Amino acid sequence: MVPKQYLLSLAILLFILLQIKAKYNKDVVCIIDKNKEPICHISPKTRRGIDLENNNIPSHDPYIPRANPIFYNCSSTECATITLHSMTQVTSPELQLKSCYQQVETYFCETIRYNHFKSIDKLLFLTNNVRDKMFYLVDCLVYSDRGRVCHKKDDADSHIKLVDTGTIVRPNEENVLSQDEFLCEQNDSGVIHCDPSVFVPYNTGIKIKDTMDIKDDILLKTGNYFVTLTKNCIDDWCGYSGILNNTRRASNSYLPPGGKTYNCYYAYKQQICLPLYDDRLAYDGRNSFS
């Protein structure tokens, strides 16, 4: 026989665990039908539980991918269908974007608050719903003169490559104040738009980040290309745009202070740069060439 005290303790423990599970899982409810994709519903009013009372903590919406959603741009009086073809359409804080998908014989709609997504969720949302574009995150070094040198996040060594690139294009630079992150979109023609993500989401709404002003141009390293991004506005979106240069020499080179033009490549996880008009190797100074 099992002692009554043991059964009572077990019942209390199960009750506590179920209460905890209910508290922390009630924000997402999913319906799974046989041979169909799961349908999940987010309940923003119960999301984050105890944090709802603290308006000083950023509050991010989760992104749950839907199968073939239909998007609507809604005003106070009507909703009109919208086809997403660029990141520049969804960044406005004034946008009322609805995502609708079929639930059995009816459609269920939810509000997409793009500026409440974390960076990785923004990347997933755009990748899943915008066709014929490539999206990626970039890390940036921020300098005291408001300049930025950025590098595409493409593998586990992206941060090392960012530091290497900053060392090459801004040699002997000691005033690196901080690090920043952008989300970029690139089309088949090599046109790049990068969004500075200036908003921070809270329960009471979104606020503008307290950041250092950005210089008029940003240097971005993506693949074998250096791209200069400049300020640009498209409709309600404002950010930084550039285009990949189609010529091999120009696309693989950069003219740093001092007047030499370098071709740069990676070997054994190290970045090596060769002057185009000199026989000497230039290196970033990490345990090899000098």
Protein backbone atom coordinates (compact mmCIF):
# COMPACT_ATOMS: atom_id res chain seq x y z
CA MET A 1 0.00 0.00 0.00
CA VAL A 2 1.15 3.51 -0.79
CA PRO A 3 1.13 5.79 2.25
CA LYS A 4 -1.62 8.44 2.24
CA GLN A 5 0.96 11.14 2.93
CA TYR A 6 2.80 10.19 -0.29
CA LEU A 7 -0.39 10.32 -2.37
CA LEU A 8 -1.31 13.68 -0.87
CA SER A 9 2.17 15.12 -1.59
CA LEU A 10 2.02 13.78 -5.17
CA ALA A 11 -1.39 15.35 -5.73
CA ILE A 12 -0.17 18.72 -4.44
CA LEU A 13 2.93 18.54 -6.67
CA LEU A 14 0.87 17.69 -9.77
CA PHE A 15 -1.54 20.54 -8.99
CA ILE A 16 1.35 23.01 -8.74
CA LEU A 17 2.94 21.75 -11.97
CA LEU A 18 -0.35 21.97 -13.85
CA GLN A 19 -0.89 25.51 -12.56
CA ILE A 20 2.59 26.50 -13.74
CA LYS A 21 2.05 24.86 -17.11
CA ALA A 22 -1.30 26.61 -17.53
CA LYS A 23 0.19 29.94 -16.57
CA TYR A 24 3.11 29.83 -18.98
CA ASN A 25 1.46 28.00 -21.90
CA LYS A 26 -1.87 29.80 -22.10
CA ASP A 27 -0.53 32.43 -24.54
CA VAL A 28 -0.56 29.99 -27.49
CA VAL A 29 -3.38 27.53 -28.22
CA CYS A 30 -3.00 25.07 -31.12
CA ILE A 31 -5.58 22.90 -32.87
CA ILE A 32 -4.16 19.85 -34.63
CA ASP A 33 -6.45 18.07 -37.11
CA LYS A 34 -5.52 14.76 -38.69
CA ASN A 35 -3.38 15.18 -41.83
CA LYS A 36 -3.51 18.98 -41.55
CA GLU A 37 -1.09 21.69 -40.48
CA PRO A 38 -1.48 22.79 -36.84
CA ILE A 39 -3.47 26.00 -36.38
CA CYS A 40 -2.20 28.16 -33.52
CA HIS A 41 -3.82 31.20 -31.96
CA ILE A 42 -1.93 33.80 -29.92
CA SER A 43 -3.66 35.53 -27.01
CA PRO A 44 -1.74 38.81 -26.52
CA LYS A 45 -3.72 39.75 -23.38
CA THR A 46 -2.30 36.81 -21.46
CA ARG A 47 1.17 36.87 -23.00
CA ARG A 48 4.13 37.16 -20.63
CA GLY A 49 1.89 36.88 -17.54
CA ILE A 50 3.58 38.74 -14.69
CA ASP A 51 5.53 41.04 -17.04
CA LEU A 52 2.37 42.76 -18.29
CA GLU A 53 2.48 45.11 -15.33
CA ASN A 54 6.08 46.18 -15.98
CA ASN A 55 6.17 48.72 -18.79
CA ASN A 56 9.94 49.16 -18.52
CA ILE A 57 10.72 45.71 -19.94
CA PRO A 58 10.68 45.28 -23.75
CA SER A 59 7.80 43.07 -24.83
CA HIS A 60 8.23 41.01 -28.01
CA ASP A 61 5.54 39.15 -29.94
CA PRO A 62 6.29 35.54 -30.92
CA TYR A 63 6.15 34.74 -34.63
CA ILE A 64 4.36 31.53 -35.59
CA PRO A 65 4.67 30.70 -39.32
CA ARG A 66 1.36 30.14 -41.10
CA ALA A 67 0.71 28.21 -44.29
CA ASN A 68 -0.19 30.50 -47.21
CA PRO A 69 -1.55 33.47 -45.24
CA ILE A 70 -3.49 36.31 -46.89
CA PHE A 71 -2.41 39.79 -45.76
CA TYR A 72 -4.63 42.82 -45.31
CA ASN A 73 -3.73 46.45 -44.71
CA CYS A 74 -6.49 47.69 -42.42
CA SER A 75 -7.62 51.20 -41.57
CA SER A 76 -10.33 52.14 -39.08
CA THR A 77 -13.03 51.54 -41.71
CA GLU A 78 -11.84 48.87 -44.15
CA CYS A 79 -9.22 46.24 -44.96
CA ALA A 80 -7.60 45.86 -48.38
CA THR A 81 -5.52 42.90 -49.53
CA ILE A 82 -1.80 43.55 -49.81
CA THR A 83 0.93 41.53 -51.51
CA LEU A 84 4.24 41.66 -49.65
CA HIS A 85 7.20 42.19 -51.97
CA SER A 86 9.64 44.08 -49.72
CA MET A 87 10.66 44.72 -46.13
CA THR A 88 9.98 48.40 -46.79
CA GLN A 89 6.21 47.77 -46.69
CA VAL A 90 5.97 46.50 -43.12
CA THR A 91 8.27 48.68 -40.98
CA SER A 92 5.92 51.67 -40.51
CA PRO A 93 4.54 51.86 -36.95
CA GLU A 94 1.28 53.15 -38.45
CA LEU A 95 0.68 49.97 -40.45
CA GLN A 96 -2.26 47.82 -39.35
CA LEU A 97 -1.30 44.48 -40.91
CA LYS A 98 -3.64 41.49 -40.63
CA SER A 99 -2.62 37.94 -41.46
CA CYS A 100 -5.53 35.61 -42.29
CA TYR A 101 -5.43 31.88 -42.82
CA GLN A 102 -8.02 29.16 -43.25
CA GLN A 103 -9.32 27.44 -40.12
CA VAL A 104 -11.56 24.54 -41.16
CA GLU A 105 -14.29 26.29 -43.21
CA THR A 106 -13.62 29.83 -42.04
CA TYR A 107 -10.66 32.21 -41.90
CA PHE A 108 -8.94 33.28 -38.72
CA CYS A 109 -7.08 36.62 -38.68
CA GLU A 110 -4.45 38.02 -36.34
CA THR A 111 -2.59 41.30 -36.15
CA ILE A 112 1.04 41.25 -37.24
CA ARG A 113 3.01 43.78 -35.20
CA TYR A 114 6.26 43.66 -37.16
CA ASN A 115 8.07 46.13 -34.92
CA HIS A 116 7.28 43.94 -31.89
CA PHE A 117 9.19 40.99 -33.35
CA LYS A 118 12.71 40.14 -32.31
CA SER A 119 15.29 40.39 -35.11
CA ILE A 120 15.31 36.65 -35.76
CA ASP A 121 11.49 36.61 -35.95
CA LYS A 122 11.54 39.53 -38.39
CA LEU A 123 13.98 37.54 -40.51
CA LEU A 124 11.73 34.44 -40.42
CA PHE A 125 8.59 36.46 -41.19
CA LEU A 126 10.15 38.14 -44.22
CA THR A 127 11.80 34.96 -45.50
CA ASN A 128 8.52 33.05 -45.27
CA ASN A 129 6.27 35.70 -46.82
CA VAL A 130 8.29 37.77 -49.32
CA ARG A 131 9.22 36.04 -52.54
CA ASP A 132 12.30 36.51 -54.74
CA LYS A 133 14.30 38.36 -52.06
CA MET A 134 17.12 37.27 -49.78
CA PHE A 135 17.10 38.45 -46.17
CA TYR A 136 19.95 38.38 -43.68
CA LEU A 137 21.18 40.05 -40.49
CA VAL A 138 24.40 42.04 -40.35
CA ASP A 139 26.63 43.00 -37.40
CA CYS A 140 28.18 46.45 -37.33
CA LEU A 141 31.06 48.10 -35.52
CA VAL A 142 30.14 51.64 -34.44
CA TYR A 143 32.91 54.25 -34.40
CA SER A 144 33.19 57.55 -32.56
CA ASP A 145 32.77 59.54 -35.79
CA ARG A 146 29.31 57.95 -36.28
CA GLY A 147 30.67 55.63 -38.98
CA ARG A 148 29.73 51.97 -39.24
CA VAL A 149 31.47 48.97 -40.75
CA CYS A 150 29.13 46.00 -41.13
CA HIS A 151 29.47 42.32 -42.05
CA LYS A 152 26.81 39.83 -43.12
CA LYS A 153 26.03 37.16 -40.50
CA ASP A 154 26.68 34.06 -42.56
CA ASP A 155 28.28 31.54 -40.20
CA ALA A 156 29.67 31.01 -36.73
CA ASP A 157 32.79 33.08 -37.55
CA SER A 158 30.82 36.16 -38.63
CA HIS A 159 31.94 38.23 -35.64
CA ILE A 160 35.60 37.37 -36.27
CA LYS A 161 35.16 38.40 -39.90
CA LEU A 162 33.52 41.65 -38.80
CA VAL A 163 36.49 42.52 -36.58
CA ASP A 164 38.91 41.55 -39.37
CA THR A 165 37.05 43.73 -41.87
CA GLY A 166 37.00 46.69 -39.49
CA THR A 167 40.74 46.29 -38.96
CA ILE A 168 41.39 46.27 -42.71
CA VAL A 169 39.21 49.18 -43.78
CA ARG A 170 39.83 51.35 -40.69
CA PRO A 171 43.40 50.46 -39.66
CA ASN A 172 44.70 51.63 -36.28
CA GLU A 173 41.18 52.67 -35.26
CA GLU A 174 40.86 52.64 -31.47
CA ASN A 175 37.53 54.38 -30.98
CA VAL A 176 35.08 51.52 -31.50
CA LEU A 177 32.25 52.52 -29.19
CA SER A 178 29.70 49.73 -29.61
CA GLN A 179 28.14 47.14 -31.86
CA ASP A 180 24.90 47.38 -33.84
CA GLU A 181 22.68 45.07 -35.90
CA PHE A 182 20.71 45.64 -39.09
CA LEU A 183 18.32 43.50 -41.10
CA CYS A 184 18.97 43.63 -44.85
CA GLU A 185 17.09 42.63 -47.99
CA GLN A 186 18.76 41.88 -51.33
CA ASN A 187 17.16 41.23 -54.72
CA ASP A 188 18.47 39.37 -57.78
CA SER A 189 19.85 42.62 -59.25
CA GLY A 190 22.08 43.20 -56.24
CA VAL A 191 20.04 46.07 -54.76
CA ILE A 192 20.33 46.03 -50.95
CA HIS A 193 18.08 47.76 -48.40
CA CYS A 194 19.08 47.66 -44.72
CA ASP A 195 16.68 48.61 -41.95
CA PRO A 196 18.23 50.16 -38.81
CA SER A 197 15.40 48.81 -36.57
CA VAL A 198 15.01 52.03 -34.60
CA PHE A 199 12.05 50.87 -32.47
CA VAL A 200 11.94 49.07 -29.12
CA PRO A 201 8.59 47.40 -28.26
CA TYR A 202 6.88 47.77 -24.88
CA ASN A 203 3.45 46.81 -23.58
CA THR A 204 2.36 50.41 -23.96
CA GLY A 205 3.63 50.71 -27.55
CA ILE A 206 6.94 51.21 -29.31
CA LYS A 207 9.64 53.75 -28.52
CA ILE A 208 12.57 55.02 -30.57
CA LYS A 209 15.98 53.69 -29.53
CA ASP A 210 18.48 55.98 -27.87
CA THR A 211 21.30 55.53 -30.39
CA MET A 212 24.16 57.54 -31.77
CA ASP A 213 23.45 59.31 -35.06
CA ILE A 214 24.55 57.35 -38.10
CA LYS A 215 26.98 58.78 -40.64
CA ASP A 216 25.65 59.36 -44.14
CA ASP A 217 27.21 56.16 -45.44
CA ILE A 218 27.84 52.66 -44.09
CA LEU A 219 30.36 50.12 -45.37
CA LEU A 220 28.90 46.60 -45.68
CA LYS A 221 30.91 43.44 -46.43
CA THR A 222 28.70 40.70 -47.91
CA GLY A 223 30.34 37.70 -49.52
CA ASN A 224 33.19 39.02 -51.68
CA TYR A 225 31.63 42.46 -52.02
CA PHE A 226 32.10 45.77 -50.27
CA VAL A 227 28.93 47.86 -50.62
CA THR A 228 28.52 51.48 -49.56
CA LEU A 229 25.05 52.03 -48.13
CA THR A 230 23.58 55.54 -48.14
CA LYS A 231 20.46 57.06 -46.64
CA ASN A 232 17.31 56.32 -48.61
CA CYS A 233 13.53 56.54 -48.17
CA ILE A 234 10.90 54.48 -50.01
CA ASP A 235 7.31 55.49 -49.18
CA ASP A 236 7.04 55.25 -45.37
CA TRP A 237 10.35 53.42 -44.92
CA CYS A 238 13.68 55.13 -44.33
CA GLY A 239 16.97 53.27 -44.02
CA TYR A 240 20.14 52.59 -46.02
CA SER A 241 20.47 51.30 -49.58
CA GLY A 242 23.26 50.26 -51.95
CA ILE A 243 23.96 48.06 -54.93
CA LEU A 244 26.55 45.37 -55.60
CA ASN A 245 29.06 46.45 -58.22
CA ASN A 246 29.05 44.08 -61.19
CA THR A 247 32.76 44.41 -62.00
CA ARG A 248 35.07 41.93 -60.29
CA ARG A 249 37.86 44.38 -59.46
CA ALA A 250 35.58 47.02 -57.99
CA SER A 251 33.39 44.55 -56.10
CA ASN A 252 36.28 42.81 -54.33
CA SER A 253 38.26 45.91 -53.44
CA TYR A 254 38.11 48.79 -51.03
CA LEU A 255 40.20 51.96 -50.82
CA PRO A 256 41.13 52.52 -47.16
CA PRO A 257 42.85 55.60 -45.75
CA GLY A 258 46.38 55.72 -47.13
CA GLY A 259 45.54 55.27 -50.80
CA LYS A 260 46.11 51.55 -51.41
CA THR A 261 43.45 49.35 -53.00
CA TYR A 262 43.19 45.81 -51.61
CA ASN A 263 41.67 42.54 -52.77
CA CYS A 264 40.58 40.56 -49.69
CA TYR A 265 39.83 36.86 -49.29
CA TYR A 266 39.53 34.27 -46.51
CA ALA A 267 41.87 31.31 -45.97
CA TYR A 268 41.87 29.05 -42.92
CA LYS A 269 39.36 31.36 -41.21
CA GLN A 270 41.71 34.32 -41.63
CA GLN A 271 41.23 37.34 -43.83
CA ILE A 272 44.17 38.19 -46.10
CA CYS A 273 44.31 41.31 -48.25
CA LEU A 274 46.59 41.78 -51.25
CA PRO A 275 47.31 45.27 -52.64
CA LEU A 276 46.33 45.41 -56.30
CA TYR A 277 49.39 47.46 -57.25
CA ASP A 278 51.99 46.14 -54.82
CA ASP A 279 53.74 42.79 -54.31
CA ARG A 280 53.43 42.87 -50.53
CA LEU A 281 50.68 41.22 -48.51
CA ALA A 282 48.64 43.27 -46.12
CA TYR A 283 47.10 41.39 -43.19
CA ASP A 284 44.94 42.24 -40.25
CA GLY A 285 47.76 41.62 -37.78
CA ARG A 286 46.40 38.47 -36.12
CA ASN A 287 49.45 36.19 -35.72
CA SER A 288 50.66 36.17 -39.32
CA PHE A 289 51.57 38.63 -42.06
CA SER A 290 52.28 42.27 -41.26
